[in-house]
Protein backbone atom coordinates (compact mmCIF):
# COMPACT_ATOMS: atom_id res chain seq x y z
CA UNK A 1 93.46 59.50 88.57
CA UNK A 2 91.96 58.29 91.83
CA UNK A 3 90.89 54.67 92.22
CA UNK A 4 88.73 53.35 95.06
CA UNK A 5 88.54 49.60 95.50
CA UNK A 6 86.89 47.41 98.11
CA UNK A 7 88.49 44.00 98.43
CA UNK A 8 86.35 41.01 99.29
CA UNK A 9 87.50 40.62 102.91
CA UNK A 10 87.44 44.27 104.04
CA UNK A 11 84.81 45.33 106.59
CA UNK A 12 82.90 42.09 106.07
CA UNK A 13 82.58 41.26 109.76
CA UNK A 14 79.36 43.27 109.58
CA UNK A 15 78.11 41.07 106.78
CA UNK A 16 78.78 37.42 107.61
CA UNK A 17 75.13 36.58 106.97
CA UNK A 18 75.06 38.16 103.52
CA UNK A 19 75.63 36.43 100.21
CA UNK A 20 78.50 37.40 97.91
CA UNK A 21 76.05 39.13 95.55
CA UNK A 22 74.80 41.36 98.38
CA UNK A 23 78.36 42.24 99.38
CA UNK A 24 79.08 43.25 95.80
CA UNK A 25 76.01 45.49 95.82
CA UNK A 26 77.25 47.20 98.99
CA UNK A 27 80.75 47.57 97.51
CA UNK A 28 79.45 49.12 94.31
CA UNK A 29 77.09 51.57 95.99
CA UNK A 30 79.79 52.67 98.45
CA UNK A 31 82.31 53.25 95.70
CA UNK A 32 79.88 55.33 93.63
CA UNK A 33 78.98 57.54 96.58
CA UNK A 34 82.68 58.08 97.31
CA UNK A 35 83.41 58.83 93.64
CA UNK A 36 80.59 61.41 93.47
CA UNK A 37 81.77 63.18 96.63
CA UNK A 38 85.42 63.02 95.60
CA UNK A 39 84.62 64.67 92.28
CA UNK A 40 82.96 67.58 94.10
CA UNK A 41 85.87 67.73 96.54
CA UNK A 42 88.37 67.90 93.68
CA UNK A 43 86.56 70.81 92.08
CA UNK A 44 86.24 72.74 95.34
CA UNK A 45 89.92 72.29 96.19
CA UNK A 46 91.01 73.31 92.69
CA UNK A 47 89.01 76.54 93.08
CA UNK A 48 90.54 77.17 96.51
CA UNK A 49 94.06 76.70 95.12
CA UNK A 50 93.77 78.20 91.63
CA UNK A 51 92.24 81.47 90.45
CA UNK A 52 89.23 79.81 88.82
CA UNK A 53 85.47 79.83 89.33
CA UNK A 54 83.70 76.63 90.34
CA UNK A 55 81.81 76.67 87.02
CA UNK A 56 85.16 76.65 85.18
CA UNK A 57 85.91 73.19 86.56
CA UNK A 58 82.70 71.54 85.28
CA UNK A 59 84.58 69.64 82.56
CA UNK A 60 87.87 69.15 84.39
CA UNK A 61 87.19 65.55 85.34
CA UNK A 62 85.62 62.37 84.01
CA UNK A 63 84.08 59.86 86.40
CA UNK A 64 83.68 56.14 85.70
CA UNK A 65 81.09 54.61 88.00
CA UNK A 66 81.43 51.16 89.47
CA UNK A 67 79.05 48.42 88.36
CA UNK A 68 77.97 45.17 89.99
CA UNK A 69 80.10 43.25 87.49
CA UNK A 70 83.10 45.59 87.90
CA UNK A 71 83.16 47.19 91.39
CA UNK A 72 85.78 49.82 90.59
CA UNK A 73 85.33 53.56 90.25
CA UNK A 74 87.70 56.11 88.71
CA UNK A 75 88.15 59.85 88.45
CA UNK A 76 90.49 61.14 85.78
CA UNK A 77 91.40 64.62 84.52
CA UNK A 78 91.94 65.94 81.01
CA UNK A 79 95.52 66.45 79.86
CA UNK A 80 94.82 69.41 77.57
CA UNK A 81 96.24 72.60 79.18
CA UNK A 82 94.03 75.49 80.29
CA UNK A 83 94.17 78.80 78.44
CA UNK A 84 95.85 81.58 80.42
CA UNK A 85 92.92 83.81 79.43
CA UNK A 86 90.99 82.28 82.35
CA UNK A 87 93.40 83.74 84.91
CA UNK A 88 92.51 87.44 84.95
CA UNK A 89 95.11 88.71 82.45
CA UNK A 90 96.31 92.32 82.65
CA UNK A 91 98.36 94.23 80.11
CA UNK A 92 101.53 95.75 81.61
CA UNK A 93 102.89 99.11 80.51
CA UNK A 94 105.49 101.12 82.41
CA UNK A 95 104.90 99.08 85.54
CA UNK A 96 101.12 99.66 85.55
CA UNK A 97 98.43 97.02 84.95
CA UNK A 98 95.59 97.50 82.48
CA UNK A 99 92.67 95.28 81.47
CA UNK A 100 90.54 95.54 78.33
CA UNK A 101 86.93 96.50 79.00
CA UNK A 102 84.13 94.47 77.46
CA UNK A 103 82.36 97.69 76.42
CA UNK A 104 83.02 100.26 73.73
CA UNK A 105 83.53 103.97 74.24
CA UNK A 106 82.99 106.17 71.16
CA UNK A 107 83.08 103.07 69.00
CA UNK A 108 86.47 101.92 70.28
CA UNK A 109 87.55 99.51 72.97
CA UNK A 110 89.51 101.10 75.78
CA UNK A 111 92.16 100.03 78.29
CA UNK A 112 91.18 100.45 81.91
CA UNK A 113 94.03 101.23 84.30
CA UNK A 114 94.30 99.19 87.46
CA UNK A 115 94.83 100.94 90.78
CA UNK A 116 97.78 98.69 91.60
CA UNK A 117 101.35 98.84 90.40
CA UNK A 118 102.23 95.69 88.49
CA UNK A 119 105.78 95.53 89.80
CA UNK A 120 107.35 95.33 86.36
CA UNK A 121 108.86 98.72 85.56
CA UNK A 122 111.31 97.56 82.92
CA UNK A 123 108.90 96.86 80.08
CA UNK A 124 105.59 95.55 78.80
CA UNK A 125 104.02 92.15 79.09
CA UNK A 126 100.95 90.48 80.58
CA UNK A 127 100.40 89.58 84.21
CA UNK A 128 98.30 86.61 85.31
CA UNK A 129 97.24 85.02 88.59
CA UNK A 130 97.15 81.25 88.14
CA UNK A 131 97.40 80.43 91.84
CA UNK A 132 95.47 82.68 94.18
CA UNK A 133 97.60 85.51 95.54
CA UNK A 134 100.50 84.76 93.18
CA UNK A 135 100.35 87.24 90.29
CA UNK A 136 103.20 86.85 87.80
CA UNK A 137 104.26 88.73 84.68
CA UNK A 138 105.08 87.19 81.31
CA UNK A 139 107.29 89.91 79.75
CA UNK A 140 107.09 88.63 76.15
CA UNK A 141 103.29 88.15 76.08
CA UNK A 142 100.63 90.54 74.77
CA UNK A 143 96.86 91.02 74.50
CA UNK A 144 94.93 91.93 71.36
CA UNK A 145 92.48 94.86 71.45
CA UNK A 146 89.47 93.15 69.86
CA UNK A 147 85.70 93.60 69.79
CA UNK A 148 85.38 89.88 70.55
CA UNK A 149 85.56 89.33 74.37
CA UNK A 150 87.06 85.84 74.02
CA UNK A 151 89.83 87.13 71.77
CA UNK A 152 90.54 90.25 73.84
CA UNK A 153 91.35 88.19 76.94
CA UNK A 154 93.47 85.61 75.11
CA UNK A 155 97.19 85.89 75.87
CA UNK A 156 99.53 85.63 72.89
CA UNK A 157 103.27 85.41 72.30
CA UNK A 158 105.55 85.17 69.27
CA UNK A 159 106.92 81.66 69.25
CA UNK A 160 105.65 78.10 69.70
CA UNK A 161 105.53 75.21 72.12
CA UNK A 162 108.12 72.46 72.08
CA UNK A 163 106.88 69.75 74.40
CA UNK A 164 105.97 71.47 77.65
CA UNK A 165 108.21 74.49 77.00
CA UNK A 166 107.43 77.65 75.03
CA UNK A 167 110.17 78.98 72.76
CA UNK A 168 109.97 82.65 71.85
CA UNK A 169 111.20 84.18 68.60
CA UNK A 170 111.55 87.69 67.21
CA UNK A 171 109.78 87.08 63.90
CA UNK A 172 106.14 88.12 63.53
CA UNK A 173 104.96 84.53 63.10
CA UNK A 174 103.96 82.14 64.47
CA UNK A 175 101.80 83.81 67.12
CA UNK A 176 100.62 81.28 69.69
CA UNK A 177 98.02 81.48 72.50
CA UNK A 178 99.63 80.69 75.85
CA UNK A 179 98.35 77.98 78.16
CA UNK A 180 99.15 76.67 81.62
CA UNK A 181 98.42 73.77 83.98
CA UNK A 182 96.09 71.04 82.72
CA UNK A 183 93.02 69.82 84.63
CA UNK A 184 94.96 66.62 85.33
CA UNK A 185 97.85 68.66 86.69
CA UNK A 186 95.49 70.64 88.91
CA UNK A 187 93.76 67.65 90.50
CA UNK A 188 97.04 65.81 91.00
CA UNK A 189 98.49 68.77 92.88
CA UNK A 190 99.95 67.09 96.00
CA UNK A 191 97.83 69.03 98.50
CA UNK A 192 94.60 68.49 96.54
CA UNK A 193 95.32 64.81 95.89
CA UNK A 194 96.04 63.93 99.54
CA UNK A 195 92.96 65.72 100.90
CA UNK A 196 90.67 64.18 98.31
CA UNK A 197 91.99 60.64 98.75
CA UNK A 198 91.54 60.82 102.52
CA UNK A 199 87.98 62.12 102.21
CA UNK A 200 87.14 59.53 99.56
CA UNK A 201 88.35 56.61 101.68
CA UNK A 202 86.40 57.85 104.70
CA UNK A 203 83.25 58.36 102.61
CA UNK A 204 83.62 54.91 101.08
CA UNK A 205 83.99 53.20 104.46
CA UNK A 206 80.99 55.00 105.97
CA UNK A 207 78.76 54.29 102.99
CA UNK A 208 79.84 50.63 102.84
CA UNK A 209 78.91 50.15 106.48
CA UNK A 210 75.59 51.91 105.92
CA UNK A 211 74.77 49.74 102.92
CA UNK A 212 75.69 46.57 104.84
CA UNK A 213 73.34 47.53 107.69
CA UNK A 214 70.52 48.19 105.21
CA UNK A 215 71.05 44.87 103.43
CA UNK A 216 71.26 42.93 106.71
CA UNK A 217 67.97 44.44 107.89
CA UNK A 218 66.36 43.64 104.56
CA UNK A 219 67.62 40.03 104.68
CA UNK A 220 66.26 39.62 108.20
CA UNK A 221 62.87 40.80 107.05
């Protein structure tokens, strides 16, 4: 979560002639502009760091706008983990990567061989690319050849989650869809967090000064 607050005495040298109510208006407007820009910045940085499309991040965050009675704005991220199916899964067989087409050939779905070696010659599994340029293989995972696109890209494994860890088993059940980093985990990535906080503070300061100048001019007639 990112919080942006403007205390009563900050930057008020520009506004000695303004009433407390006008200062609160400037505070609130500045915070909301910074929150809006920070939310966009979060989403752009997540896409630059993780193998996701910008549209995938539409529901990553929740913004709480500041009000005149409560000049505080917040951005928070959901804790629910993201399905690994979003990260370009590929079935591994004999060190080669395959992906399931979303079309049928002769009434059956087919596996399309990738031109690249998957780097896992010892057995099967599924490879994913959560962070850009960092493709990894989950040796115990598998894909299901299904006519439903959403199901065919889902990554499964025999076992279940215990807290944040996945425990595999050899029995046929349970079969569990695998997940990864949560939206909250993505936006609180150290690199993303620092860049966004810096931009948000700069945006807030600039907008506060702009709002003060507008209100001073209005008060002077």
